[in-house]
């Protein structure tokens, strides 16, 4: 890594390493909704390909 004249502590302070926050309830719901929609879409396309639908 290039020597920029700053220490790792300073680099971390200025935001080069993202801080990991626990997920909020809204983020968890958003993830669950996206996962559900993705799974439903995959199942629908798989059913079309296999001839179960239409």
C-alpha atoms as a PDB file:
ATOM      1  CA  UNK A   1       0.000   0.000   0.000  1.00  0.00           C
ATOM      2  CA  UNK A   2       1.281   3.483  -0.764  1.00  0.00           C
ATOM      3  CA  UNK A   3       2.735   5.494   2.070  1.00  0.00           C
ATOM      4  CA  UNK A   4       0.527   8.582   2.191  1.00  0.00           C
ATOM      5  CA  UNK A   5       2.071   9.932   5.373  1.00  0.00           C
ATOM      6  CA  UNK A   6      -0.893   9.039   7.570  1.00  0.00           C
ATOM      7  CA  UNK A   7      -1.299   6.203  10.006  1.00  0.00           C
ATOM      8  CA  UNK A   8      -3.976   3.520   9.830  1.00  0.00           C
ATOM      9  CA  UNK A   9      -5.708   5.119  12.787  1.00  0.00           C
ATOM     10  CA  UNK A  10      -6.013   8.405  10.937  1.00  0.00           C
ATOM     11  CA  UNK A  11      -7.139   6.663   7.748  1.00  0.00           C
ATOM     12  CA  UNK A  12      -9.829   4.806   9.691  1.00  0.00           C
ATOM     13  CA  UNK A  13     -10.952   8.041  11.321  1.00  0.00           C
ATOM     14  CA  UNK A  14     -11.420   9.708   7.948  1.00  0.00           C
ATOM     15  CA  UNK A  15     -13.672   6.927   6.713  1.00  0.00           C
ATOM     16  CA  UNK A  16     -11.575   4.658   4.515  1.00  0.00           C
ATOM     17  CA  UNK A  17     -12.926   1.665   6.455  1.00  0.00           C
ATOM     18  CA  UNK A  18     -16.742   1.568   6.612  1.00  0.00           C
ATOM     19  CA  UNK A  19     -18.219   1.225  10.066  1.00  0.00           C
ATOM     20  CA  UNK A  20     -20.454  -1.820  10.521  1.00  0.00           C
ATOM     21  CA  UNK A  21     -23.725  -0.859  12.183  1.00  0.00           C
ATOM     22  CA  UNK A  22     -26.317  -3.386  13.259  1.00  0.00           C
ATOM     23  CA  UNK A  23     -29.189  -3.554  10.778  1.00  0.00           C
ATOM     24  CA  UNK A  24     -32.285  -1.580  11.711  1.00  0.00           C
ATOM     25  CA  UNK A  25     -35.754  -3.098  11.626  1.00  0.00           C
ATOM     26  CA  UNK A  26     -36.511  -1.226   8.397  1.00  0.00           C
ATOM     27  CA  UNK A  27     -33.402  -2.671   6.722  1.00  0.00           C
ATOM     28  CA  UNK A  28     -34.351  -6.172   7.864  1.00  0.00           C
ATOM     29  CA  UNK A  29     -37.877  -5.792   6.469  1.00  0.00           C
ATOM     30  CA  UNK A  30     -36.509  -4.406   3.208  1.00  0.00           C
ATOM     31  CA  UNK A  31     -34.141  -7.378   2.870  1.00  0.00           C
ATOM     32  CA  UNK A  32     -36.910  -9.861   3.674  1.00  0.00           C
ATOM     33  CA  UNK A  33     -39.225  -8.279   1.093  1.00  0.00           C
ATOM     34  CA  UNK A  34     -36.517  -8.307  -1.583  1.00  0.00           C
ATOM     35  CA  UNK A  35     -35.616 -11.922  -0.826  1.00  0.00           C
ATOM     36  CA  UNK A  36     -39.287 -12.949  -1.008  1.00  0.00           C
ATOM     37  CA  UNK A  37     -39.851 -11.162  -4.323  1.00  0.00           C
ATOM     38  CA  UNK A  38     -36.664 -12.612  -5.801  1.00  0.00           C
ATOM     39  CA  UNK A  39     -37.633 -16.131  -4.726  1.00  0.00           C
ATOM     40  CA  UNK A  40     -41.159 -15.747  -6.122  1.00  0.00           C
ATOM     41  CA  UNK A  41     -39.835 -14.439  -9.446  1.00  0.00           C
ATOM     42  CA  UNK A  42     -37.344 -17.305  -9.686  1.00  0.00           C
ATOM     43  CA  UNK A  43     -40.049 -19.874  -8.929  1.00  0.00           C
ATOM     44  CA  UNK A  44     -42.348 -18.310 -11.539  1.00  0.00           C
ATOM     45  CA  UNK A  45     -39.689 -18.386 -14.261  1.00  0.00           C
ATOM     46  CA  UNK A  46     -38.726 -21.938 -13.335  1.00  0.00           C
ATOM     47  CA  UNK A  47     -42.379 -22.991 -13.577  1.00  0.00           C
ATOM     48  CA  UNK A  48     -42.665 -21.374 -17.016  1.00  0.00           C
ATOM     49  CA  UNK A  49     -39.521 -23.113 -18.253  1.00  0.00           C
ATOM     50  CA  UNK A  50     -40.622 -26.486 -16.919  1.00  0.00           C
ATOM     51  CA  UNK A  51     -44.078 -26.125 -18.434  1.00  0.00           C
ATOM     52  CA  UNK A  52     -45.981 -26.136 -15.168  1.00  0.00           C
ATOM     53  CA  UNK A  53     -47.627 -22.817 -16.082  1.00  0.00           C
ATOM     54  CA  UNK A  54     -49.244 -22.056 -19.434  1.00  0.00           C
END
